[in-house]
């Protein structure tokens, strides 16, 4: 890893920033309403299935070694 890039171009930095922001909002007492929470949980559930499927497919396509 000798190439350099801006911190703003890093997905890891963005993921950490979003996680920290969510944690700070929770500590500050910000809460979503019950109807929004239900919708958010449903959306997160569907997103998890989508991401898992995409990662499985991408991993198999990019694989360079056989499984043993």
Protein backbone atom coordinates (compact mmCIF):
# COMPACT_ATOMS: atom_id res chain seq x y z
CA UNK A 1 0.00 0.00 0.00
CA UNK A 2 2.15 2.81 -1.25
CA UNK A 3 -0.51 4.86 -3.01
CA UNK A 4 -2.08 7.74 -1.12
CA UNK A 5 -5.58 9.17 -1.20
CA UNK A 6 -7.59 11.80 0.62
CA UNK A 7 -9.29 10.82 3.86
CA UNK A 8 -12.59 11.84 2.27
CA UNK A 9 -12.07 9.22 -0.44
CA UNK A 10 -11.79 6.45 2.18
CA UNK A 11 -14.87 4.29 2.68
CA UNK A 12 -13.46 3.22 6.03
CA UNK A 13 -13.32 6.82 7.23
CA UNK A 14 -16.90 7.46 6.03
CA UNK A 15 -18.16 4.31 7.75
CA UNK A 16 -16.47 5.27 11.00
CA UNK A 17 -17.81 8.85 10.79
CA UNK A 18 -21.39 7.65 10.27
CA UNK A 19 -21.08 5.18 13.15
CA UNK A 20 -19.69 7.85 15.47
CA UNK A 21 -22.42 10.33 14.45
CA UNK A 22 -25.13 7.76 15.16
CA UNK A 23 -23.62 6.95 18.56
CA UNK A 24 -23.37 10.63 19.48
CA UNK A 25 -26.99 11.23 18.44
CA UNK A 26 -28.10 8.36 20.68
CA UNK A 27 -26.06 9.68 23.61
CA UNK A 28 -27.58 13.15 23.08
CA UNK A 29 -31.05 11.64 23.49
CA UNK A 30 -32.16 11.80 19.86
CA UNK A 31 -34.65 9.02 19.17
CA UNK A 32 -36.78 8.12 16.21
CA UNK A 33 -40.54 7.69 16.52
CA UNK A 34 -42.00 4.19 16.72
CA UNK A 35 -43.30 4.30 13.14
CA UNK A 36 -39.93 5.45 11.79
CA UNK A 37 -38.09 2.81 13.83
CA UNK A 38 -40.25 0.06 12.36
CA UNK A 39 -39.64 1.30 8.83
CA UNK A 40 -35.92 1.70 9.48
CA UNK A 41 -35.61 -1.84 10.86
CA UNK A 42 -37.44 -3.26 7.87
CA UNK A 43 -35.19 -1.32 5.51
CA UNK A 44 -32.05 -2.43 7.36
CA UNK A 45 -33.18 -6.05 7.21
CA UNK A 46 -33.69 -5.87 3.46
CA UNK A 47 -30.40 -4.02 2.98
CA UNK A 48 -28.52 -6.71 4.96
CA UNK A 49 -29.90 -9.42 2.67
CA UNK A 50 -28.96 -7.41 -0.42
CA UNK A 51 -25.43 -6.66 0.81
CA UNK A 52 -24.86 -10.26 1.82
CA UNK A 53 -25.92 -11.52 -1.60
CA UNK A 54 -23.80 -8.98 -3.45
CA UNK A 55 -20.75 -9.77 -1.33
CA UNK A 56 -21.18 -13.50 -1.87
CA UNK A 57 -21.47 -13.07 -5.63
CA UNK A 58 -18.60 -10.57 -5.83
CA UNK A 59 -16.37 -12.80 -3.72
CA UNK A 60 -17.00 -15.81 -5.93
CA UNK A 61 -16.42 -13.85 -9.15
CA UNK A 62 -13.19 -12.28 -7.87
CA UNK A 63 -11.84 -15.49 -6.33
CA UNK A 64 -8.55 -16.65 -7.73
CA UNK A 65 -8.18 -19.90 -5.77
CA UNK A 66 -10.33 -22.96 -5.41
CA UNK A 67 -11.94 -23.85 -2.12
CA UNK A 68 -10.62 -27.02 -0.52
